Amino acid sequence: MSKEELEKVQAVIAEGVAREGLQDVIVPPGQAAGPEFSYPYNGHGPLDDEALEYREDEAWSRLSQLASDAAVDRMIADAQLSGVSLLEGPDGLLNRITKKVIERALGAEMDDHLGYVRGDPAGNGSGNSRNGSYGKTVTTAAGPVRIAVPRDRNAEFEPVIVPKGTRRLGQVDDMILSLYARGMTTRDIQAHLAEVYGAEVSPALVSKVTDVVAEEITAWQTRPLDAFYAIVYIDALVVKVRDGGTVDNKAAHLVTGVDIDGFKHVLGIWLAASEGAKFWASVLAELRNRGIKDVLFVCCDGLTGITDAVEATWPKAIVQTCVIHLIRASMRYVAYDQRKKAAAAMRPIYTAINEAAAKAALENLRREFGKKSPGLVAAWERAWPQFIPFLEFDVAIRKVIYTTNAIESINFQLRKITKNRGHFPDDDAAIKLLYLGIRNITGRHIDGGGLALARGERGTGTYGWKAALNAFAVRFGDRVPI
């Protein structure tokens, strides 16, 4: 913008300020920012709560006058009259207001640093003074803004609102992390910021921003855990990772624990070449070393050898095969036109009152489908040792352990954000996205410190938990902490 155009815009704004009678609210350059604090104060010691509240009310009152509907309407009308865009581009009204606010705040910081305002004779002989400014472009939620950062003769000024080396303000970094957590690639984010905000950022910068969670992930993966979890759900999903010049499928192992109050927490993420009982044994051992002393139930999808791994870690824990997984697996052997009939025939098995009734229902299933779908019956027989513990418990307990949907729903959300990536360059990149995805999933708070904390909760609860907790107390006695 030329000097003549800038003077024209300033004249239009000045005219609007005068017309609205806001001369006492708008602080001219070089004057102190705001009227003197009027609440009675002796100048000694910190302000009390009442004084601070009064001061906040005064500040809000002045801000409300400045941003009144009439003032905003007049400013918009003047901007349109002068041909200034309201939002788009570096010369837009919103961009200019952002620039003005940042520069005024930096000027106030410099006043505080030097101990006197511009033009004040008190600065003579102080040993330090202003030394012009330097230009800097920062990316904000309103787009890129070119600002003038003041400097002093002694090069001692350290701005706070725009620290040295900072190129992004406000929630730009959080915006990048949010887009990344929703499955967008670094180049997708680069294109999005350029298209919507006019901000030019490189894919390397986006990657650097997301790398700030590396230490957070390490702390999360090694944090101490509760000594007791009523239920632990374990499952894995497949991600594609480049390894040695080839892209391989790797298993991301997830563990979700349900604490004594019924709230779910993702306890960790582990990446391995494939899912197997041996690797799960090392994962469970790590969880024990992080503080878990006892678990009532470990719910899984029926992986071979997992029972031995659980017993080696928590000898009293009961391994429960996910009934829903078992039904899905057995349905693979049934013709499409027979599925409804097969589902009806399986229902008496997992709703039986005891093992004897379940065996009778299994025999009925064998008589009906043993010849035309032998795989259906074989699937139930193979999983029978891990299935029958389910039948020993109260209905309230059955409702919370019969399925691993608590962790399957998380895996479903994670698959949505990983499928857009094609493959990851390394294991760390895969872990980073999975962690950010878990942190971003609504209601699934990874460490109990998420948004639900404001409602007095610690993550997502479990439906029917009070009834289940009472049944746990009766069935397991002292193992359930008070």
Protein backbone atom coordinates (compact mmCIF):
# COMPACT_ATOMS: atom_id res chain seq x y z
CA MET A 1 0.00 0.00 0.00
CA SER A 2 1.34 3.44 -0.91
CA LYS A 3 1.86 6.25 1.61
CA GLU A 4 -1.03 8.22 0.12
CA GLU A 5 -3.42 5.25 0.44
CA LEU A 6 -2.33 4.65 4.06
CA GLU A 7 -2.93 8.30 4.94
CA LYS A 8 -6.37 8.09 3.33
CA VAL A 9 -7.34 5.06 5.45
CA GLN A 10 -6.02 6.70 8.64
CA ALA A 11 -8.02 9.83 7.88
CA VAL A 12 -11.21 7.79 7.36
CA ILE A 13 -10.68 5.96 10.67
CA ALA A 14 -9.94 9.24 12.50
CA GLU A 15 -13.13 10.76 11.07
CA GLY A 16 -15.14 7.74 12.26
CA VAL A 17 -13.65 7.98 15.75
CA ALA A 18 -14.49 11.66 15.99
CA ARG A 19 -18.03 11.11 14.69
CA GLU A 20 -18.69 8.43 17.32
CA GLY A 21 -17.20 10.54 20.13
CA LEU A 22 -14.53 7.96 20.98
CA GLN A 23 -11.61 10.36 21.32
CA ASP A 24 -11.37 9.61 25.05
CA VAL A 25 -11.33 5.88 24.43
CA ILE A 26 -8.87 5.74 21.52
CA VAL A 27 -5.39 6.42 22.90
CA PRO A 28 -3.26 8.55 20.55
CA PRO A 29 0.29 7.30 19.87
CA GLY A 30 2.82 8.36 22.48
CA GLN A 31 0.32 8.59 25.37
CA ALA A 32 -0.17 6.14 28.22
CA ALA A 33 -2.39 3.20 27.34
CA GLY A 34 -5.63 3.88 29.20
CA PRO A 35 -6.87 6.19 31.95
CA GLU A 36 -5.37 6.07 35.37
CA PHE A 37 -6.71 3.36 37.65
CA SER A 38 -9.47 4.93 39.73
CA TYR A 39 -10.02 2.35 42.48
CA PRO A 40 -8.74 3.59 45.88
CA TYR A 41 -5.21 2.24 46.29
CA ASN A 42 -2.35 3.35 48.53
CA GLY A 43 0.36 2.22 46.13
CA HIS A 44 1.84 -0.33 48.54
CA GLY A 45 1.59 -4.12 48.26
CA PRO A 46 -0.44 -6.24 45.82
CA LEU A 47 -4.02 -5.42 44.90
CA ASP A 48 -6.68 -7.35 46.80
CA ASP A 49 -9.33 -9.45 45.04
CA GLU A 50 -11.93 -6.66 45.18
CA ALA A 51 -9.54 -4.16 43.64
CA LEU A 52 -8.53 -6.57 40.89
CA GLU A 53 -12.17 -7.29 40.09
CA TYR A 54 -12.93 -3.56 39.98
CA ARG A 55 -9.99 -3.00 37.67
CA GLU A 56 -11.13 -5.79 35.34
CA ASP A 57 -14.64 -4.31 35.24
CA GLU A 58 -13.27 -0.88 34.33
CA ALA A 59 -11.12 -2.35 31.57
CA TRP A 60 -14.04 -4.33 30.20
CA SER A 61 -16.23 -1.22 30.25
CA ARG A 62 -13.69 0.73 28.23
CA LEU A 63 -13.29 -2.14 25.78
CA SER A 64 -17.07 -2.42 25.38
CA GLN A 65 -17.28 1.28 24.51
CA LEU A 66 -14.49 0.93 22.00
CA ALA A 67 -16.10 -2.10 20.36
CA SER A 68 -19.71 -0.97 20.59
CA ASP A 69 -22.08 -2.02 17.81
CA ALA A 70 -22.30 1.54 16.55
CA ALA A 71 -18.52 1.93 16.45
CA VAL A 72 -18.02 -1.38 14.66
CA ASP A 73 -20.79 -0.60 12.15
CA ARG A 74 -19.23 2.80 11.42
CA MET A 75 -15.77 1.28 11.02
CA ILE A 76 -17.10 -1.32 8.57
CA ALA A 77 -18.94 1.33 6.60
CA ASP A 78 -15.83 3.53 6.43
CA ALA A 79 -13.68 0.59 5.35
CA GLN A 80 -16.12 -0.25 2.57
CA LEU A 81 -16.28 3.40 1.53
CA SER A 82 -12.47 3.57 1.25
CA GLY A 83 -12.28 0.27 -0.63
CA VAL A 84 -10.58 -1.64 2.21
CA SER A 85 -11.41 -5.36 2.36
CA LEU A 86 -13.00 -6.47 5.63
CA LEU A 87 -11.27 -9.82 5.99
CA GLU A 88 -9.22 -10.99 3.03
CA GLY A 89 -5.62 -10.13 2.33
CA PRO A 90 -2.82 -8.43 4.24
CA ASP A 91 -4.52 -5.03 3.76
CA GLY A 92 -7.88 -6.22 5.12
CA LEU A 93 -9.50 -4.42 8.06
CA LEU A 94 -9.14 -7.38 10.45
CA ASN A 95 -5.48 -7.77 9.51
CA ARG A 96 -4.81 -4.08 10.10
CA ILE A 97 -6.55 -4.11 13.47
CA THR A 98 -4.45 -7.14 14.47
CA LYS A 99 -1.29 -5.33 13.36
CA LYS A 100 -2.25 -2.20 15.30
CA VAL A 101 -3.04 -4.14 18.49
CA ILE A 102 0.23 -6.11 18.37
CA GLU A 103 2.33 -3.02 17.70
CA ARG A 104 0.63 -1.03 20.47
CA ALA A 105 1.22 -3.93 22.89
CA LEU A 106 4.88 -4.08 21.86
CA GLY A 107 5.14 -0.32 22.38
CA ALA A 108 3.68 -0.69 25.88
CA GLU A 109 6.22 -3.44 26.60
CA MET A 110 9.03 -1.13 25.47
CA ASP A 111 7.67 1.68 27.72
CA ASP A 112 7.74 -0.71 30.65
CA HIS A 113 11.23 -1.94 29.75
CA LEU A 114 12.71 1.58 29.51
CA GLY A 115 10.70 3.05 32.37
CA TYR A 116 9.35 6.00 30.40
CA VAL A 117 7.07 6.65 27.43
CA ARG A 118 8.19 8.02 24.08
CA GLY A 119 9.04 11.73 24.29
CA ASP A 120 9.18 11.80 28.10
CA PRO A 121 12.11 13.99 29.33
CA ALA A 122 12.61 11.47 32.13
CA GLY A 123 14.43 9.30 29.63
CA ASN A 124 17.28 11.78 29.19
CA GLY A 125 20.48 10.29 30.54
CA SER A 126 18.79 7.02 31.48
CA GLY A 127 21.46 5.00 29.70
CA ASN A 128 19.06 3.34 27.29
CA SER A 129 16.59 4.58 24.68
CA ARG A 130 14.58 3.48 21.66
CA ASN A 131 16.48 2.53 18.55
CA GLY A 132 13.84 2.34 15.85
CA SER A 133 12.24 -0.97 14.87
CA TYR A 134 12.61 -3.89 12.52
CA GLY A 135 10.01 -5.56 10.33
CA LYS A 136 8.72 -9.05 11.00
CA THR A 137 5.93 -11.14 9.50
CA VAL A 138 4.00 -13.33 11.92
CA THR A 139 1.26 -15.84 11.13
CA THR A 140 -1.94 -15.32 13.10
CA ALA A 141 -5.45 -16.72 12.96
CA ALA A 142 -6.27 -13.66 10.82
CA GLY A 143 -3.51 -14.50 8.36
CA PRO A 144 0.06 -13.20 7.94
CA VAL A 145 0.64 -9.81 9.57
CA ARG A 146 3.65 -7.56 8.95
CA ILE A 147 4.55 -5.80 12.20
CA ALA A 148 7.23 -3.37 13.38
CA VAL A 149 9.03 -4.68 16.48
CA PRO A 150 10.71 -1.91 18.55
CA ARG A 151 14.29 -2.25 19.75
CA ASP A 152 16.50 -0.42 22.23
CA ARG A 153 20.05 0.90 22.07
CA ASN A 154 21.42 -1.67 24.52
CA ALA A 155 19.72 -4.60 22.73
CA GLU A 156 18.23 -5.72 26.05
CA PHE A 157 14.55 -5.61 25.07
CA GLU A 158 12.92 -9.06 25.16
CA PRO A 159 9.31 -8.80 23.90
CA VAL A 160 6.80 -11.12 25.53
CA ILE A 161 3.75 -10.88 23.27
CA VAL A 162 5.91 -11.69 20.22
CA PRO A 163 9.07 -13.37 21.57
CA LYS A 164 12.24 -13.29 19.53
CA GLY A 165 12.30 -16.05 16.95
CA THR A 166 8.51 -16.50 17.07
CA ARG A 167 6.77 -16.54 13.71
CA ARG A 168 3.38 -17.89 14.74
CA LEU A 169 0.96 -16.31 17.22
CA GLY A 170 -2.26 -17.26 18.92
CA GLN A 171 -3.61 -20.69 18.13
CA VAL A 172 -1.76 -21.32 14.87
CA ASP A 173 0.35 -24.14 16.35
CA ASP A 174 -2.75 -25.64 17.97
CA MET A 175 -4.52 -25.38 14.60
CA ILE A 176 -1.69 -27.28 12.90
CA LEU A 177 -1.75 -29.99 15.58
CA SER A 178 -5.54 -30.28 15.30
CA LEU A 179 -5.42 -30.67 11.51
CA TYR A 180 -2.59 -33.21 11.80
CA ALA A 181 -4.51 -35.18 14.44
CA ARG A 182 -7.45 -35.44 12.04
CA GLY A 183 -5.34 -37.22 9.45
CA MET A 184 -4.20 -34.39 7.18
CA THR A 185 -0.68 -34.76 5.81
CA THR A 186 1.96 -32.04 6.20
CA ARG A 187 1.45 -30.95 2.58
CA ASP A 188 -2.34 -30.95 3.02
CA ILE A 189 -1.92 -28.63 6.02
CA GLN A 190 0.47 -26.42 4.05
CA ALA A 191 -2.10 -26.08 1.24
CA HIS A 192 -4.95 -25.47 3.72
CA LEU A 193 -3.14 -22.64 5.53
CA ALA A 194 -2.18 -21.04 2.22
CA GLU A 195 -5.71 -21.28 0.80
CA VAL A 196 -7.69 -20.20 3.87
CA TYR A 197 -5.32 -17.87 5.72
CA GLY A 198 -2.84 -16.85 3.02
CA ALA A 199 0.00 -18.11 5.24
CA GLU A 200 3.03 -19.62 3.54
CA VAL A 201 4.48 -22.45 5.63
CA SER A 202 6.67 -25.32 4.51
CA PRO A 203 5.93 -29.02 5.12
CA ALA A 204 9.13 -29.11 7.17
CA LEU A 205 7.74 -26.40 9.46
CA VAL A 206 4.49 -28.32 9.92
CA SER A 207 6.48 -31.41 10.81
CA LYS A 208 8.57 -29.36 13.26
CA VAL A 209 5.44 -28.04 14.96
CA THR A 210 4.03 -31.54 15.41
CA ASP A 211 7.38 -32.76 16.78
CA VAL A 212 6.84 -30.65 19.92
CA VAL A 213 4.69 -33.47 21.31
CA ALA A 214 7.63 -35.92 21.31
CA GLU A 215 8.49 -35.26 24.95
CA GLU A 216 4.81 -35.26 25.84
CA ILE A 217 4.43 -38.72 24.29
CA THR A 218 7.44 -40.05 26.21
CA ALA A 219 6.07 -38.70 29.49
CA TRP A 220 2.63 -40.14 28.71
CA GLN A 221 4.02 -43.57 27.78
CA THR A 222 5.99 -43.81 31.02
CA ARG A 223 3.57 -42.15 33.47
CA PRO A 224 2.70 -44.06 36.66
CA LEU A 225 -0.62 -45.91 36.58
CA ASP A 226 -3.20 -46.84 39.19
CA ALA A 227 -2.58 -50.00 41.18
CA PHE A 228 -6.01 -51.42 40.26
CA TYR A 229 -8.06 -51.55 37.07
CA ALA A 230 -11.29 -53.50 37.02
CA ILE A 231 -11.10 -54.18 33.28
CA VAL A 232 -8.26 -53.93 30.78
CA TYR A 233 -9.10 -54.07 27.06
CA ILE A 234 -6.32 -55.00 24.63
CA ASP A 235 -6.39 -54.85 20.85
CA ALA A 236 -4.23 -53.91 17.87
CA LEU A 237 -4.69 -52.17 14.54
CA VAL A 238 -2.50 -52.30 11.44
CA VAL A 239 -0.53 -49.29 10.16
CA LYS A 240 1.83 -49.08 7.19
CA VAL A 241 5.39 -47.99 8.00
CA ARG A 242 8.41 -47.59 5.72
CA ASP A 243 11.23 -49.79 6.96
CA GLY A 244 14.51 -50.27 5.10
CA GLY A 245 13.21 -49.10 1.74
CA THR A 246 10.02 -51.16 1.85
CA VAL A 247 6.58 -50.46 3.30
CA ASP A 248 5.49 -53.08 5.83
CA ASN A 249 2.35 -53.63 7.87
CA LYS A 250 2.97 -53.17 11.57
CA ALA A 251 0.70 -53.75 14.55
CA ALA A 252 -0.05 -50.82 16.85
CA HIS A 253 -0.97 -52.33 20.22
CA LEU A 254 -3.41 -50.32 22.34
CA VAL A 255 -4.44 -50.90 25.95
CA THR A 256 -7.44 -49.23 27.60
CA GLY A 257 -8.07 -49.56 31.34
CA VAL A 258 -11.27 -48.98 33.29
CA ASP A 259 -10.55 -47.62 36.77
CA ILE A 260 -12.49 -48.16 39.98
CA ASP A 261 -14.85 -45.30 39.11
CA GLY A 262 -15.66 -46.73 35.68
CA PHE A 263 -13.69 -44.20 33.63
CA LYS A 264 -11.68 -45.37 30.63
CA HIS A 265 -8.05 -44.39 29.99
CA VAL A 266 -5.75 -45.33 27.13
CA LEU A 267 -2.69 -46.66 28.96
CA GLY A 268 -0.25 -46.70 26.05
CA ILE A 269 0.62 -47.42 22.41
CA TRP A 270 3.25 -49.94 21.31
CA LEU A 271 4.39 -50.70 17.75
CA ALA A 272 5.66 -54.11 16.64
CA ALA A 273 6.13 -56.06 13.42
CA SER A 274 3.04 -58.16 14.16
CA GLU A 275 0.54 -58.91 16.89
CA GLY A 276 1.44 -61.91 19.01
CA ALA A 277 1.21 -63.27 22.53
CA LYS A 278 4.95 -62.86 23.06
CA PHE A 279 4.86 -59.12 22.39
CA TRP A 280 1.69 -58.72 24.44
CA ALA A 281 3.53 -60.38 27.33
CA SER A 282 6.18 -57.64 27.21
CA VAL A 283 3.48 -54.94 27.04
CA LEU A 284 1.64 -56.35 30.05
CA ALA A 285 4.92 -56.65 31.97
CA GLU A 286 5.61 -52.97 31.28
CA LEU A 287 2.15 -52.03 32.57
CA ARG A 288 2.84 -53.99 35.75
CA ASN A 289 6.17 -52.19 36.17
CA ARG A 290 4.35 -48.86 35.80
CA GLY A 291 2.22 -49.65 38.83
CA ILE A 292 -0.70 -51.94 37.93
CA LYS A 293 -0.81 -54.59 40.67
CA ASP A 294 -4.15 -56.23 40.00
CA VAL A 295 -6.72 -56.53 37.21
CA LEU A 296 -10.03 -58.36 37.41
CA PHE A 297 -10.63 -58.96 33.69
CA VAL A 298 -8.50 -58.76 30.57
CA CYS A 299 -10.78 -58.60 27.54
CA CYS A 300 -9.30 -59.49 24.15
CA ASP A 301 -10.22 -60.90 20.74
CA GLY A 302 -9.15 -64.48 21.44
CA LEU A 303 -5.50 -64.29 20.37
CA THR A 304 -3.71 -67.63 20.79
CA GLY A 305 -1.39 -67.71 23.79
CA ILE A 306 -2.68 -64.53 25.39
CA THR A 307 -3.98 -66.42 28.44
CA ASP A 308 -0.46 -67.51 29.44
CA ALA A 309 0.84 -63.96 29.00
CA VAL A 310 -1.90 -62.55 31.27
CA GLU A 311 -1.44 -65.24 33.92
CA ALA A 312 2.30 -64.55 34.04
CA THR A 313 1.59 -60.86 34.73
CA TRP A 314 -1.52 -60.91 36.91
CA PRO A 315 -2.15 -64.49 38.11
CA LYS A 316 -5.66 -63.75 39.43
CA ALA A 317 -6.87 -61.94 36.31
CA ILE A 318 -9.56 -63.60 34.20
CA VAL A 319 -9.10 -63.61 30.43
CA GLN A 320 -12.39 -63.00 28.67
CA THR A 321 -12.77 -63.46 24.93
CA CYS A 322 -14.85 -60.76 23.29
CA VAL A 323 -18.22 -62.35 22.54
CA ILE A 324 -18.82 -59.95 19.64
CA HIS A 325 -15.49 -60.95 18.06
CA LEU A 326 -16.41 -64.61 18.48
CA ILE A 327 -19.79 -64.11 16.79
CA ARG A 328 -18.19 -62.19 13.91
CA ALA A 329 -15.49 -64.84 13.45
CA SER A 330 -17.99 -67.67 13.39
CA MET A 331 -20.24 -65.84 10.92
CA ARG A 332 -17.49 -66.09 8.29
CA TYR A 333 -18.41 -69.75 7.79
CA VAL A 334 -22.11 -69.10 7.26
CA ALA A 335 -23.78 -68.47 3.90
CA TYR A 336 -25.36 -65.05 3.57
CA ASP A 337 -28.93 -66.35 3.39
CA GLN A 338 -28.36 -68.36 6.61
CA ARG A 339 -26.88 -65.57 8.76
CA LYS A 340 -30.06 -64.48 10.49
CA LYS A 341 -30.88 -68.05 11.35
CA ALA A 342 -27.34 -68.68 12.61
CA ALA A 343 -27.39 -65.53 14.75
CA ALA A 344 -30.64 -66.65 16.35
CA ALA A 345 -29.15 -70.10 17.01
CA MET A 346 -26.02 -68.62 18.68
CA ARG A 347 -27.90 -66.25 20.96
CA PRO A 348 -28.94 -68.96 23.51
CA ILE A 349 -25.23 -69.80 23.95
CA TYR A 350 -24.00 -66.41 25.16
CA THR A 351 -27.22 -65.59 27.04
CA ALA A 352 -27.28 -68.91 28.91
CA ILE A 353 -27.61 -68.77 32.69
CA ASN A 354 -24.70 -71.20 33.21
CA GLU A 355 -22.19 -73.41 31.40
CA ALA A 356 -24.54 -76.43 31.27
CA ALA A 357 -27.23 -74.40 29.49
CA ALA A 358 -24.60 -72.99 27.12
CA LYS A 359 -23.37 -76.50 26.25
CA ALA A 360 -26.93 -77.60 25.50
CA ALA A 361 -27.35 -74.56 23.20
CA LEU A 362 -24.03 -75.41 21.51
CA GLU A 363 -25.26 -78.94 20.81
CA ASN A 364 -28.40 -77.49 19.23
CA LEU A 365 -26.16 -75.31 17.07
CA ARG A 366 -24.15 -78.38 16.07
CA ARG A 367 -27.26 -80.33 15.05
CA GLU A 368 -28.53 -77.43 12.94
CA PHE A 369 -25.28 -76.21 11.33
CA GLY A 370 -22.76 -78.98 11.96
CA LYS A 371 -22.92 -80.33 8.40
CA LYS A 372 -23.53 -77.24 6.27
CA SER A 373 -21.30 -74.85 8.31
CA PRO A 374 -18.85 -76.95 10.37
CA GLY A 375 -16.50 -73.97 10.74
CA LEU A 376 -19.19 -72.16 12.72
CA VAL A 377 -19.28 -74.84 15.40
CA ALA A 378 -15.50 -75.28 15.37
CA ALA A 379 -15.00 -71.56 16.08
CA TRP A 380 -17.07 -71.84 19.25
CA GLU A 381 -15.32 -75.03 20.35
CA ARG A 382 -11.85 -73.49 19.94
CA ALA A 383 -12.82 -70.44 21.98
CA TRP A 384 -14.81 -72.35 24.60
CA PRO A 385 -12.16 -72.27 27.42
CA GLN A 386 -11.89 -68.47 27.13
CA PHE A 387 -15.63 -68.00 26.67
CA ILE A 388 -17.08 -69.95 29.61
CA PRO A 389 -15.75 -67.63 32.40
CA PHE A 390 -18.26 -65.12 31.06
CA LEU A 391 -21.11 -67.41 32.14
CA GLU A 392 -20.09 -67.50 35.80
CA PHE A 393 -20.90 -63.89 36.51
CA ASP A 394 -23.84 -61.67 37.27
CA VAL A 395 -25.67 -60.02 34.38
CA ALA A 396 -24.30 -56.61 35.47
CA ILE A 397 -20.74 -57.90 35.02
CA ARG A 398 -21.54 -59.56 31.71
CA LYS A 399 -22.72 -56.26 30.28
CA VAL A 400 -19.33 -54.58 30.79
CA ILE A 401 -17.05 -57.46 29.71
CA TYR A 402 -18.87 -59.19 26.86
CA THR A 403 -17.32 -56.95 24.18
CA THR A 404 -14.14 -54.96 23.48
CA ASN A 405 -16.17 -52.23 21.77
CA ALA A 406 -14.68 -49.75 24.26
CA ILE A 407 -11.34 -50.06 22.47
CA GLU A 408 -12.77 -50.99 19.07
CA SER A 409 -14.46 -47.59 18.85
CA ILE A 410 -11.10 -45.91 19.45
CA ASN A 411 -9.47 -48.10 16.79
CA PHE A 412 -12.24 -47.20 14.35
CA GLN A 413 -11.52 -43.49 14.81
CA LEU A 414 -7.78 -44.07 14.46
CA ARG A 415 -8.23 -46.04 11.23
CA LYS A 416 -10.11 -43.06 9.79
CA ILE A 417 -7.14 -40.75 10.32
CA THR A 418 -4.42 -43.24 9.31
CA LYS A 419 -5.95 -44.38 6.02
CA ASN A 420 -5.31 -40.95 4.45
CA ARG A 421 -1.60 -41.16 5.18
CA GLY A 422 -0.74 -44.10 2.91
CA HIS A 423 2.27 -44.98 5.02
CA PHE A 424 4.49 -43.43 7.70
CA PRO A 425 8.20 -42.68 7.21
CA ASP A 426 9.13 -44.33 10.53
CA ASP A 427 7.76 -45.75 13.78
CA ASP A 428 7.94 -42.41 15.60
CA ALA A 429 5.73 -40.73 12.99
CA ALA A 430 3.12 -43.47 13.38
CA ILE A 431 3.16 -43.21 17.18
CA LYS A 432 2.90 -39.41 16.97
CA LEU A 433 -0.22 -39.46 14.82
CA LEU A 434 -1.88 -42.20 16.88
CA TYR A 435 -1.18 -40.29 20.08
CA LEU A 436 -2.55 -37.02 18.68
CA GLY A 437 -5.55 -38.92 17.31
CA ILE A 438 -6.30 -40.44 20.72
CA ARG A 439 -5.89 -37.06 22.38
CA ASN A 440 -8.28 -35.54 19.87
CA ILE A 441 -11.03 -38.16 20.02
CA THR A 442 -14.02 -36.58 21.73
CA GLY A 443 -14.63 -38.02 25.18
CA ARG A 444 -11.65 -40.39 25.08
CA HIS A 445 -9.27 -38.60 27.41
CA ILE A 446 -5.89 -40.28 27.47
CA ASP A 447 -4.88 -39.35 30.98
CA GLY A 448 -8.02 -38.10 32.66
CA GLY A 449 -7.05 -34.44 32.17
CA GLY A 450 -9.16 -33.58 29.15
CA LEU A 451 -12.27 -31.48 28.56
CA ALA A 452 -14.47 -33.66 30.75
CA LEU A 453 -12.43 -32.57 33.76
CA ALA A 454 -14.39 -29.31 33.73
CA ARG A 455 -17.54 -31.36 34.32
CA GLY A 456 -16.01 -33.12 37.32
CA GLU A 457 -15.28 -36.28 35.36
CA ARG A 458 -12.07 -38.05 34.34
CA GLY A 459 -12.72 -39.24 30.83
CA THR A 460 -15.50 -41.41 29.43
CA GLY A 461 -17.61 -43.41 31.85
CA THR A 462 -18.97 -46.95 31.49
CA TYR A 463 -22.70 -47.57 31.07
CA GLY A 464 -24.15 -49.58 33.96
CA TRP A 465 -20.97 -49.21 36.02
CA LYS A 466 -22.57 -48.85 39.48
CA ALA A 467 -24.40 -52.16 39.09
CA ALA A 468 -21.23 -53.81 37.82
CA LEU A 469 -19.14 -52.35 40.69
CA ASN A 470 -21.55 -53.79 43.25
CA ALA A 471 -21.34 -57.17 41.54
CA PHE A 472 -17.51 -56.91 41.51
CA ALA A 473 -17.48 -56.17 45.26
CA VAL A 474 -19.61 -59.23 45.99
CA ARG A 475 -17.72 -61.56 43.64
CA PHE A 476 -14.12 -60.46 44.26
CA GLY A 477 -14.30 -59.11 47.81
CA ASP A 478 -11.07 -57.49 49.07
CA ARG A 479 -9.55 -57.31 45.58
CA VAL A 480 -11.82 -54.36 44.83
CA PRO A 481 -10.35 -51.33 46.67
CA ILE A 482 -12.64 -49.23 48.80
